[in-house]
Amino acid sequence: PWYKMATAHEARAALSAPYVFSSMPEPGLTATRQARPGV
């Protein structure tokens, strides 16, 4: 989802909805930004 969210907001940084990390039972957020199409 983080990759798809960034490509959908290619002009600016995007913030995900809160979710629980798979590697530890803590909630968190992901901020994404597309550096170049596809990166």
All heavy atoms as atom14 arrays in JSON, in Angstrom:
{
  "sequence": "PWYKMATAHEARAALSAPYVFSSMPEPGLTATRQARPGV",
  "atom14_mask": [
    [1, 1, 1, 1, 1, 1, 1, 0, 0, 0, 0, 0, 0, 0],
    [1, 1, 1, 1, 1, 1, 1, 1, 1, 1, 1, 1, 1, 1],
    [1, 1, 1, 1, 1, 1, 1, 1, 1, 1, 1, 1, 0, 0],
    [1, 1, 1, 1, 1, 1, 1, 1, 1, 0, 0, 0, 0, 0],
    [1, 1, 1, 1, 1, 1, 1, 1, 0, 0, 0, 0, 0, 0],
    [1, 1, 1, 1, 1, 0, 0, 0, 0, 0, 0, 0, 0, 0],
    [1, 1, 1, 1, 1, 1, 1, 0, 0, 0, 0, 0, 0, 0],
    [1, 1, 1, 1, 1, 0, 0, 0, 0, 0, 0, 0, 0, 0],
    [1, 1, 1, 1, 1, 1, 1, 1, 1, 1, 0, 0, 0, 0],
    [1, 1, 1, 1, 1, 1, 1, 1, 1, 0, 0, 0, 0, 0],
    [1, 1, 1, 1, 1, 0, 0, 0, 0, 0, 0, 0, 0, 0],
    [1, 1, 1, 1, 1, 1, 1, 1, 1, 1, 1, 0, 0, 0],
    [1, 1, 1, 1, 1, 0, 0, 0, 0, 0, 0, 0, 0, 0],
    [1, 1, 1, 1, 1, 0, 0, 0, 0, 0, 0, 0, 0, 0],
    [1, 1, 1, 1, 1, 1, 1, 1, 0, 0, 0, 0, 0, 0],
    [1, 1, 1, 1, 1, 1, 0, 0, 0, 0, 0, 0, 0, 0],
    [1, 1, 1, 1, 1, 0, 0, 0, 0, 0, 0, 0, 0, 0],
    [1, 1, 1, 1, 1, 1, 1, 0, 0, 0, 0, 0, 0, 0],
    [1, 1, 1, 1, 1, 1, 1, 1, 1, 1, 1, 1, 0, 0],
    [1, 1, 1, 1, 1, 1, 1, 0, 0, 0, 0, 0, 0, 0],
    [1, 1, 1, 1, 1, 1, 1, 1, 1, 1, 1, 0, 0, 0],
    [1, 1, 1, 1, 1, 1, 0, 0, 0, 0, 0, 0, 0, 0],
    [1, 1, 1, 1, 1, 1, 0, 0, 0, 0, 0, 0, 0, 0],
    [1, 1, 1, 1, 1, 1, 1, 1, 0, 0, 0, 0, 0, 0],
    [1, 1, 1, 1, 1, 1, 1, 0, 0, 0, 0, 0, 0, 0],
    [1, 1, 1, 1, 1, 1, 1, 1, 1, 0, 0, 0, 0, 0],
    [1, 1, 1, 1, 1, 1, 1, 0, 0, 0, 0, 0, 0, 0],
    [1, 1, 1, 1, 0, 0, 0, 0, 0, 0, 0, 0, 0, 0],
    [1, 1, 1, 1, 1, 1, 1, 1, 0, 0, 0, 0, 0, 0],
    [1, 1, 1, 1, 1, 1, 1, 0, 0, 0, 0, 0, 0, 0],
    [1, 1, 1, 1, 1, 0, 0, 0, 0, 0, 0, 0, 0, 0],
    [1, 1, 1, 1, 1, 1, 1, 0, 0, 0, 0, 0, 0, 0],
    [1, 1, 1, 1, 1, 1, 1, 1, 1, 1, 1, 0, 0, 0],
    [1, 1, 1, 1, 1, 1, 1, 1, 1, 0, 0, 0, 0, 0],
    [1, 1, 1, 1, 1, 0, 0, 0, 0, 0, 0, 0, 0, 0],
    [1, 1, 1, 1, 1, 1, 1, 1, 1, 1, 1, 0, 0, 0],
    [1, 1, 1, 1, 1, 1, 1, 0, 0, 0, 0, 0, 0, 0],
    [1, 1, 1, 1, 0, 0, 0, 0, 0, 0, 0, 0, 0, 0],
    [1, 1, 1, 1, 1, 1, 1, 0, 0, 0, 0, 0, 0, 0]
  ],
  "atom14_positions": [
    [[0.81, -1.23, 0.0], [0.0, 0.0, 0.0], [0.84, 1.27, 0.0], [0.46, 2.26, -0.63], [-0.82, -0.13, 1.29], [-0.89, -1.6, 1.55], [0.41, -2.15, 1.08], [0.0, 0.0, 0.0], [0.0, 0.0, 0.0], [0.0, 0.0, 0.0], [0.0, 0.0, 0.0], [0.0, 0.0, 0.0], [0.0, 0.0, 0.0], [0.0, 0.0, 0.0]],
    [[1.98, 1.26, 0.69], [2.78, 2.47, 0.76], [3.33, 2.87, -0.61], [3.44, 4.05, -0.92], [3.92, 2.32, 1.77], [4.86, 1.17, 1.49], [4.76, -0.09, 1.97], [6.03, 1.21, 0.67], [5.8, -0.88, 1.5], [6.61, -0.09, 0.71], [6.67, 2.2, -0.09], [7.76, -0.42, 0.02], [7.84, 1.87, -0.77], [8.36, 0.56, -0.71]],
    [[3.68, 1.85, -1.41], [4.21, 2.11, -2.75], [3.11, 2.67, -3.66], [3.31, 3.66, -4.38], [4.78, 0.81, -3.33], [5.53, 0.97, -4.63], [6.91, 1.2, -4.64], [4.87, 0.91, -5.85], [7.6, 1.36, -5.84], [5.55, 1.06, -7.05], [6.92, 1.28, -7.04], [7.6, 1.43, -8.23], [0.0, 0.0, 0.0], [0.0, 0.0, 0.0]],
    [[1.94, 2.06, -3.58], [0.82, 2.52, -4.41], [0.37, 3.93, -3.99], [-0.01, 4.74, -4.84], [-0.34, 1.54, -4.3], [-0.02, 0.15, -4.85], [-1.19, -0.78, -4.64], [-0.88, -2.18, -5.2], [-2.02, -3.11, -5.0], [0.0, 0.0, 0.0], [0.0, 0.0, 0.0], [0.0, 0.0, 0.0], [0.0, 0.0, 0.0], [0.0, 0.0, 0.0]],
    [[0.42, 4.2, -2.68], [0.01, 5.52, -2.21], [0.95, 6.6, -2.73], [0.52, 7.68, -3.13], [-0.01, 5.52, -0.67], [-0.43, 6.84, -0.04], [-0.57, 6.72, 1.76], [1.12, 6.3, 2.21], [0.0, 0.0, 0.0], [0.0, 0.0, 0.0], [0.0, 0.0, 0.0], [0.0, 0.0, 0.0], [0.0, 0.0, 0.0], [0.0, 0.0, 0.0]],
    [[2.25, 6.31, -2.72], [3.22, 7.29, -3.2], [3.06, 7.55, -4.69], [3.16, 8.7, -5.15], [4.63, 6.82, -2.89], [0.0, 0.0, 0.0], [0.0, 0.0, 0.0], [0.0, 0.0, 0.0], [0.0, 0.0, 0.0], [0.0, 0.0, 0.0], [0.0, 0.0, 0.0], [0.0, 0.0, 0.0], [0.0, 0.0, 0.0], [0.0, 0.0, 0.0]],
    [[2.86, 6.51, -5.48], [2.69, 6.71, -6.92], [1.38, 7.43, -7.24], [1.29, 8.12, -8.26], [2.74, 5.36, -7.64], [1.75, 4.47, -7.08], [4.11, 4.72, -7.52], [0.0, 0.0, 0.0], [0.0, 0.0, 0.0], [0.0, 0.0, 0.0], [0.0, 0.0, 0.0], [0.0, 0.0, 0.0], [0.0, 0.0, 0.0], [0.0, 0.0, 0.0]],
    [[0.38, 7.29, -6.33], [-0.88, 8.01, -6.55], [-0.74, 9.48, -6.18], [-1.46, 10.33, -6.72], [-1.99, 7.37, -5.72], [0.0, 0.0, 0.0], [0.0, 0.0, 0.0], [0.0, 0.0, 0.0], [0.0, 0.0, 0.0], [0.0, 0.0, 0.0], [0.0, 0.0, 0.0], [0.0, 0.0, 0.0], [0.0, 0.0, 0.0], [0.0, 0.0, 0.0]],
    [[0.18, 9.82, -5.23], [0.43, 11.21, -4.83], [1.82, 11.6, -5.31], [2.69, 11.98, -4.54], [0.36, 11.36, -3.31], [-0.98, 11.07, -2.73], [-1.43, 9.78, -2.51], [-1.99, 11.89, -2.32], [-2.64, 9.82, -1.98], [-3.01, 11.09, -1.86], [0.0, 0.0, 0.0], [0.0, 0.0, 0.0], [0.0, 0.0, 0.0], [0.0, 0.0, 0.0]],
    [[2.02, 11.53, -6.6], [3.38, 11.7, -7.12], [3.94, 13.09, -6.9], [5.15, 13.28, -6.88], [3.39, 11.37, -8.62], [2.42, 12.21, -9.44], [2.4, 11.8, -10.9], [2.41, 10.59, -11.18], [2.37, 12.71, -11.74], [0.0, 0.0, 0.0], [0.0, 0.0, 0.0], [0.0, 0.0, 0.0], [0.0, 0.0, 0.0], [0.0, 0.0, 0.0]],
    [[3.08, 14.09, -6.69], [3.57, 15.46, -6.57], [3.93, 15.84, -5.14], [4.57, 16.87, -4.93], [2.53, 16.45, -7.1], [0.0, 0.0, 0.0], [0.0, 0.0, 0.0], [0.0, 0.0, 0.0], [0.0, 0.0, 0.0], [0.0, 0.0, 0.0], [0.0, 0.0, 0.0], [0.0, 0.0, 0.0], [0.0, 0.0, 0.0], [0.0, 0.0, 0.0]],
    [[3.56, 15.04, -4.14], [3.81, 15.42, -2.75], [3.9, 14.18, -1.88], [3.57, 13.07, -2.32], [2.69, 16.33, -2.22], [1.3, 15.75, -2.38], [0.24, 16.78, -1.98], [-1.1, 16.31, -2.3], [-1.84, 15.55, -1.5], [-1.34, 15.18, -0.34], [-3.05, 15.18, -1.86], [0.0, 0.0, 0.0], [0.0, 0.0, 0.0], [0.0, 0.0, 0.0]],
    [[4.37, 14.41, -0.66], [4.47, 13.31, 0.29], [3.07, 12.93, 0.78], [2.16, 13.75, 0.82], [5.34, 13.72, 1.48], [0.0, 0.0, 0.0], [0.0, 0.0, 0.0], [0.0, 0.0, 0.0], [0.0, 0.0, 0.0], [0.0, 0.0, 0.0], [0.0, 0.0, 0.0], [0.0, 0.0, 0.0], [0.0, 0.0, 0.0], [0.0, 0.0, 0.0]],
    [[2.91, 11.66, 1.11], [1.62, 11.15, 1.56], [1.81, 10.39, 2.88], [2.89, 9.86, 3.17], [1.01, 10.24, 0.5], [0.0, 0.0, 0.0], [0.0, 0.0, 0.0], [0.0, 0.0, 0.0], [0.0, 0.0, 0.0], [0.0, 0.0, 0.0], [0.0, 0.0, 0.0], [0.0, 0.0, 0.0], [0.0, 0.0, 0.0], [0.0, 0.0, 0.0]],
    [[0.74, 10.35, 3.64], [0.77, 9.71, 4.95], [-0.28, 8.62, 4.99], [-1.43, 8.84, 4.61], [0.49, 10.75, 6.05], [0.8, 10.36, 7.48], [2.3, 10.14, 7.67], [0.32, 11.46, 8.42], [0.0, 0.0, 0.0], [0.0, 0.0, 0.0], [0.0, 0.0, 0.0], [0.0, 0.0, 0.0], [0.0, 0.0, 0.0], [0.0, 0.0, 0.0]],
    [[0.1, 7.45, 5.45], [-0.83, 6.33, 5.5], [-1.74, 6.44, 6.71], [-1.51, 7.24, 7.62], [-0.05, 5.01, 5.57], [0.53, 4.87, 6.86], [0.0, 0.0, 0.0], [0.0, 0.0, 0.0], [0.0, 0.0, 0.0], [0.0, 0.0, 0.0], [0.0, 0.0, 0.0], [0.0, 0.0, 0.0], [0.0, 0.0, 0.0], [0.0, 0.0, 0.0]],
    [[-2.79, 5.65, 6.71], [-3.61, 5.51, 7.9], [-2.83, 4.71, 8.94], [-1.92, 3.93, 8.61], [-4.92, 4.81, 7.56], [0.0, 0.0, 0.0], [0.0, 0.0, 0.0], [0.0, 0.0, 0.0], [0.0, 0.0, 0.0], [0.0, 0.0, 0.0], [0.0, 0.0, 0.0], [0.0, 0.0, 0.0], [0.0, 0.0, 0.0], [0.0, 0.0, 0.0]],
    [[-3.14, 4.88, 10.21], [-2.43, 4.11, 11.24], [-2.66, 2.6, 11.06], [-3.74, 2.16, 10.67], [-3.05, 4.61, 12.56], [-3.63, 5.94, 12.23], [-4.08, 5.84, 10.81], [0.0, 0.0, 0.0], [0.0, 0.0, 0.0], [0.0, 0.0, 0.0], [0.0, 0.0, 0.0], [0.0, 0.0, 0.0], [0.0, 0.0, 0.0], [0.0, 0.0, 0.0]],
    [[-1.63, 1.83, 11.35], [-1.74, 0.36, 11.28], [-0.74, -0.22, 12.28], [0.15, 0.46, 12.79], [-1.48, -0.14, 9.87], [-0.07, 0.09, 9.36], [0.9, -0.91, 9.42], [0.3, 1.33, 8.83], [2.18, -0.69, 8.96], [1.57, 1.56, 8.37], [2.52, 0.55, 8.44], [3.79, 0.77, 7.98], [0.0, 0.0, 0.0], [0.0, 0.0, 0.0]],
    [[-0.89, -1.51, 12.56], [0.01, -2.2, 13.49], [1.14, -2.84, 12.69], [0.9, -3.6, 11.74], [-0.76, -3.27, 14.29], [0.19, -3.99, 15.25], [-1.89, -2.63, 15.08], [0.0, 0.0, 0.0], [0.0, 0.0, 0.0], [0.0, 0.0, 0.0], [0.0, 0.0, 0.0], [0.0, 0.0, 0.0], [0.0, 0.0, 0.0], [0.0, 0.0, 0.0]],
    [[2.38, -2.54, 13.07], [3.53, -3.11, 12.38], [3.55, -4.63, 12.54], [3.22, -5.17, 13.6], [4.83, -2.52, 12.93], [5.0, -1.06, 12.62], [5.58, -0.2, 13.54], [4.58, -0.53, 11.41], [5.75, 1.15, 13.26], [4.74, 0.81, 11.12], [5.32, 1.65, 12.05], [0.0, 0.0, 0.0], [0.0, 0.0, 0.0], [0.0, 0.0, 0.0]],
    [[3.95, -5.29, 11.49], [3.96, -6.76, 11.52], [5.06, -7.31, 12.41], [4.93, -8.41, 12.98], [4.14, -7.3, 10.09], [5.35, -6.81, 9.53], [0.0, 0.0, 0.0], [0.0, 0.0, 0.0], [0.0, 0.0, 0.0], [0.0, 0.0, 0.0], [0.0, 0.0, 0.0], [0.0, 0.0, 0.0], [0.0, 0.0, 0.0], [0.0, 0.0, 0.0]],
    [[6.17, -6.56, 12.58], [7.3, -7.09, 13.33], [7.22, -6.79, 14.83], [8.04, -7.3, 15.59], [8.61, -6.51, 12.78], [8.55, -5.09, 12.82], [0.0, 0.0, 0.0], [0.0, 0.0, 0.0], [0.0, 0.0, 0.0], [0.0, 0.0, 0.0], [0.0, 0.0, 0.0], [0.0, 0.0, 0.0], [0.0, 0.0, 0.0], [0.0, 0.0, 0.0]],
    [[6.28, -5.96, 15.25], [6.07, -5.73, 16.68], [4.68, -5.13, 16.88], [4.18, -4.39, 16.04], [7.14, -4.8, 17.26], [7.19, -3.42, 16.7], [8.44, -2.44, 17.55], [8.33, -0.89, 16.65], [0.0, 0.0, 0.0], [0.0, 0.0, 0.0], [0.0, 0.0, 0.0], [0.0, 0.0, 0.0], [0.0, 0.0, 0.0], [0.0, 0.0, 0.0]],
    [[4.04, -5.46, 18.01], [2.65, -5.03, 18.21], [2.56, -3.57, 18.65], [2.14, -3.25, 19.75], [2.17, -5.98, 19.33], [3.39, -6.29, 20.11], [4.52, -6.33, 19.11], [0.0, 0.0, 0.0], [0.0, 0.0, 0.0], [0.0, 0.0, 0.0], [0.0, 0.0, 0.0], [0.0, 0.0, 0.0], [0.0, 0.0, 0.0], [0.0, 0.0, 0.0]],
    [[2.96, -2.7, 17.73], [2.85, -1.27, 18.0], [2.23, -0.58, 16.8], [2.53, -0.93, 15.65], [4.22, -0.65, 18.28], [4.69, -0.81, 19.71], [5.85, 0.13, 20.02], [5.86, 1.24, 19.47], [6.72, -0.27, 20.8], [0.0, 0.0, 0.0], [0.0, 0.0, 0.0], [0.0, 0.0, 0.0], [0.0, 0.0, 0.0], [0.0, 0.0, 0.0]],
    [[1.37, 0.39, 17.04], [0.79, 1.12, 15.9], [1.78, 2.13, 15.36], [2.66, 2.62, 16.07], [-0.43, 1.82, 16.52], [-0.06, 2.0, 17.96], [0.8, 0.83, 18.32], [0.0, 0.0, 0.0], [0.0, 0.0, 0.0], [0.0, 0.0, 0.0], [0.0, 0.0, 0.0], [0.0, 0.0, 0.0], [0.0, 0.0, 0.0], [0.0, 0.0, 0.0]],
    [[1.63, 2.42, 14.09], [2.51, 3.39, 13.47], [1.93, 3.92, 12.19], [0.8, 3.61, 11.8], [0.0, 0.0, 0.0], [0.0, 0.0, 0.0], [0.0, 0.0, 0.0], [0.0, 0.0, 0.0], [0.0, 0.0, 0.0], [0.0, 0.0, 0.0], [0.0, 0.0, 0.0], [0.0, 0.0, 0.0], [0.0, 0.0, 0.0], [0.0, 0.0, 0.0]],
    [[2.71, 4.76, 11.52], [2.33, 5.39, 10.27], [3.47, 5.28, 9.28], [4.63, 5.12, 9.67], [2.0, 6.87, 10.48], [0.85, 7.23, 11.44], [0.92, 8.71, 11.77], [-0.48, 6.89, 10.83], [0.0, 0.0, 0.0], [0.0, 0.0, 0.0], [0.0, 0.0, 0.0], [0.0, 0.0, 0.0], [0.0, 0.0, 0.0], [0.0, 0.0, 0.0]],
    [[3.14, 5.41, 8.03], [4.16, 5.42, 6.98], [4.02, 6.68, 6.15], [2.91, 6.99, 5.69], [4.04, 4.19, 6.07], [4.22, 3.01, 6.85], [5.07, 4.22, 4.97], [0.0, 0.0, 0.0], [0.0, 0.0, 0.0], [0.0, 0.0, 0.0], [0.0, 0.0, 0.0], [0.0, 0.0, 0.0], [0.0, 0.0, 0.0], [0.0, 0.0, 0.0]],
    [[5.14, 7.38, 5.98], [5.17, 8.56, 5.11], [5.96, 8.19, 3.86], [7.05, 7.61, 3.96], [5.8, 9.74, 5.82], [0.0, 0.0, 0.0], [0.0, 0.0, 0.0], [0.0, 0.0, 0.0], [0.0, 0.0, 0.0], [0.0, 0.0, 0.0], [0.0, 0.0, 0.0], [0.0, 0.0, 0.0], [0.0, 0.0, 0.0], [0.0, 0.0, 0.0]],
    [[5.4, 8.51, 2.7], [6.05, 8.13, 1.45], [6.14, 9.33, 0.51], [5.34, 10.28, 0.59], [5.26, 7.01, 0.74], [3.95, 7.5, 0.41], [5.13, 5.79, 1.62], [0.0, 0.0, 0.0], [0.0, 0.0, 0.0], [0.0, 0.0, 0.0], [0.0, 0.0, 0.0], [0.0, 0.0, 0.0], [0.0, 0.0, 0.0], [0.0, 0.0, 0.0]],
    [[7.13, 9.26, -0.38], [7.28, 10.3, -1.41], [7.98, 9.67, -2.61], [8.96, 8.93, -2.45], [8.1, 11.47, -0.87], [8.35, 12.59, -1.88], [7.07, 13.36, -2.17], [7.25, 14.39, -3.18], [7.55, 15.67, -2.92], [7.73, 16.06, -1.66], [7.65, 16.53, -3.89], [0.0, 0.0, 0.0], [0.0, 0.0, 0.0], [0.0, 0.0, 0.0]],
    [[7.47, 9.93, -3.77], [8.06, 9.39, -4.99], [9.25, 10.25, -5.39], [9.12, 11.46, -5.57], [7.01, 9.34, -6.1], [7.47, 8.59, -7.33], [6.34, 8.33, -8.31], [6.14, 7.22, -8.77], [5.58, 9.38, -8.64], [0.0, 0.0, 0.0], [0.0, 0.0, 0.0], [0.0, 0.0, 0.0], [0.0, 0.0, 0.0], [0.0, 0.0, 0.0]],
    [[10.41, 9.6, -5.51], [11.62, 10.33, -5.9], [11.69, 10.52, -7.41], [12.14, 11.56, -7.9], [12.86, 9.57, -5.42], [0.0, 0.0, 0.0], [0.0, 0.0, 0.0], [0.0, 0.0, 0.0], [0.0, 0.0, 0.0], [0.0, 0.0, 0.0], [0.0, 0.0, 0.0], [0.0, 0.0, 0.0], [0.0, 0.0, 0.0], [0.0, 0.0, 0.0]],
    [[11.28, 9.52, -8.13], [11.23, 9.5, -9.59], [10.17, 8.48, -9.95], [9.89, 7.59, -9.13], [12.61, 9.11, -10.15], [12.68, 9.11, -11.67], [14.05, 8.72, -12.15], [15.05, 9.76, -11.83], [16.33, 9.66, -12.14], [16.77, 8.57, -12.75], [17.16, 10.63, -11.84], [0.0, 0.0, 0.0], [0.0, 0.0, 0.0], [0.0, 0.0, 0.0]],
    [[9.54, 8.59, -11.07], [8.48, 7.61, -11.38], [8.93, 6.18, -11.11], [9.91, 5.7, -11.67], [8.22, 7.85, -12.87], [8.53, 9.3, -13.06], [9.69, 9.58, -12.15], [0.0, 0.0, 0.0], [0.0, 0.0, 0.0], [0.0, 0.0, 0.0], [0.0, 0.0, 0.0], [0.0, 0.0, 0.0], [0.0, 0.0, 0.0], [0.0, 0.0, 0.0]],
    [[8.23, 5.55, -10.17], [8.52, 4.17, -9.82], [9.49, 4.01, -8.68], [9.6, 2.91, -8.12], [0.0, 0.0, 0.0], [0.0, 0.0, 0.0], [0.0, 0.0, 0.0], [0.0, 0.0, 0.0], [0.0, 0.0, 0.0], [0.0, 0.0, 0.0], [0.0, 0.0, 0.0], [0.0, 0.0, 0.0], [0.0, 0.0, 0.0], [0.0, 0.0, 0.0]],
    [[10.23, 5.05, -8.29], [11.17, 4.98, -7.17], [10.53, 5.71, -5.99], [10.28, 6.92, -6.05], [12.53, 5.62, -7.52], [13.47, 5.53, -6.33], [13.13, 4.94, -8.75], [0.0, 0.0, 0.0], [0.0, 0.0, 0.0], [0.0, 0.0, 0.0], [0.0, 0.0, 0.0], [0.0, 0.0, 0.0], [0.0, 0.0, 0.0], [0.0, 0.0, 0.0]]
  ]
}
